[in-house]
């Protein structure tokens, strides 16, 4: 695949993932590490999340995040 080429199937995505060093175990470990940065004084429930994306040049990108609770809860939060 060349730069800017469109991905046409889930098989292409599967091949990209299989040819990378990303495994479910690696991603789960990262999510647990990220959850240590949570600020959850009310729920006491740390949440870590990891998302894998693919950029325009067909490179995998990993994004991570954690929950941060507001000081005043006006609704239900979903990270």
Protein backbone atom coordinates (compact mmCIF):
# COMPACT_ATOMS: atom_id res chain seq x y z
CA UNK A 1 0.00 0.00 0.00
CA UNK A 2 1.29 3.42 -0.84
CA UNK A 3 0.78 6.73 0.94
CA UNK A 4 -2.78 7.99 0.77
CA UNK A 5 -4.21 4.70 -0.47
CA UNK A 6 -7.61 3.84 0.98
CA UNK A 7 -8.07 0.75 3.14
CA UNK A 8 -10.80 -1.35 1.56
CA UNK A 9 -11.21 -4.28 3.93
CA UNK A 10 -10.91 -5.47 7.48
CA UNK A 11 -8.26 -7.91 6.22
CA UNK A 12 -5.96 -4.97 5.43
CA UNK A 13 -6.45 -3.66 8.96
CA UNK A 14 -5.82 -7.11 10.39
CA UNK A 15 -2.59 -7.36 8.37
CA UNK A 16 -1.41 -3.97 9.68
CA UNK A 17 -2.05 -5.07 13.26
CA UNK A 18 -0.43 -8.48 12.76
CA UNK A 19 2.71 -6.86 11.31
CA UNK A 20 3.06 -4.52 14.30
CA UNK A 21 4.30 -5.12 17.81
CA UNK A 22 0.86 -4.26 19.20
CA UNK A 23 -0.82 -7.15 20.92
CA UNK A 24 -3.89 -7.31 23.08
CA UNK A 25 -1.62 -7.94 26.07
CA UNK A 26 0.48 -4.83 25.29
CA UNK A 27 -2.63 -2.67 24.93
CA UNK A 28 -4.17 -4.03 28.14
CA UNK A 29 -0.93 -3.31 30.00
CA UNK A 30 -0.91 0.26 28.65
CA UNK A 31 -4.55 0.80 29.70
CA UNK A 32 -3.71 -0.34 33.22
CA UNK A 33 -0.69 1.97 33.33
CA UNK A 34 -2.77 4.91 32.10
CA UNK A 35 -5.46 4.24 34.73
CA UNK A 36 -2.87 5.06 37.40
CA UNK A 37 -3.13 8.71 36.26
CA UNK A 38 -6.84 8.92 37.01
CA UNK A 39 -8.40 11.49 39.29
CA UNK A 40 -11.47 9.76 40.70
CA UNK A 41 -12.00 10.95 44.29
CA UNK A 42 -15.76 10.32 44.23
CA UNK A 43 -16.16 6.96 42.52
CA UNK A 44 -12.74 5.55 43.48
CA UNK A 45 -12.95 3.75 40.13
CA UNK A 46 -9.87 4.31 37.96
CA UNK A 47 -10.50 4.02 34.21
CA UNK A 48 -7.82 3.67 31.55
CA UNK A 49 -8.56 3.42 27.85
CA UNK A 50 -6.47 2.75 24.75
CA UNK A 51 -7.54 3.23 21.13
CA UNK A 52 -5.59 2.19 18.06
CA UNK A 53 -6.05 4.21 14.88
CA UNK A 54 -4.50 4.26 11.44
CA UNK A 55 -3.22 7.50 9.92
CA UNK A 56 -3.20 8.47 6.23
CA UNK A 57 0.21 6.89 5.67
CA UNK A 58 -1.05 3.53 7.02
CA UNK A 59 0.86 3.83 10.30
CA UNK A 60 -0.75 2.70 13.52
CA UNK A 61 -1.28 5.36 16.16
CA UNK A 62 -2.06 4.64 19.80
CA UNK A 63 -4.13 7.08 21.86
CA UNK A 64 -4.70 6.70 25.58
CA UNK A 65 -6.76 8.45 28.21
CA UNK A 66 -8.11 8.24 31.72
CA UNK A 67 -11.11 9.48 33.65
CA UNK A 68 -11.08 12.79 35.49
CA UNK A 69 -14.08 13.39 37.69
CA UNK A 70 -15.54 16.88 38.00
CA UNK A 71 -15.79 18.47 41.43
CA UNK A 72 -19.56 18.83 41.03
CA UNK A 73 -21.40 16.05 39.24
CA UNK A 74 -24.23 17.38 37.08
CA UNK A 75 -24.79 14.20 35.15
CA UNK A 76 -23.46 10.84 34.18
CA UNK A 77 -19.93 10.74 32.78
CA UNK A 78 -18.69 8.21 30.26
CA UNK A 79 -15.07 8.20 29.24
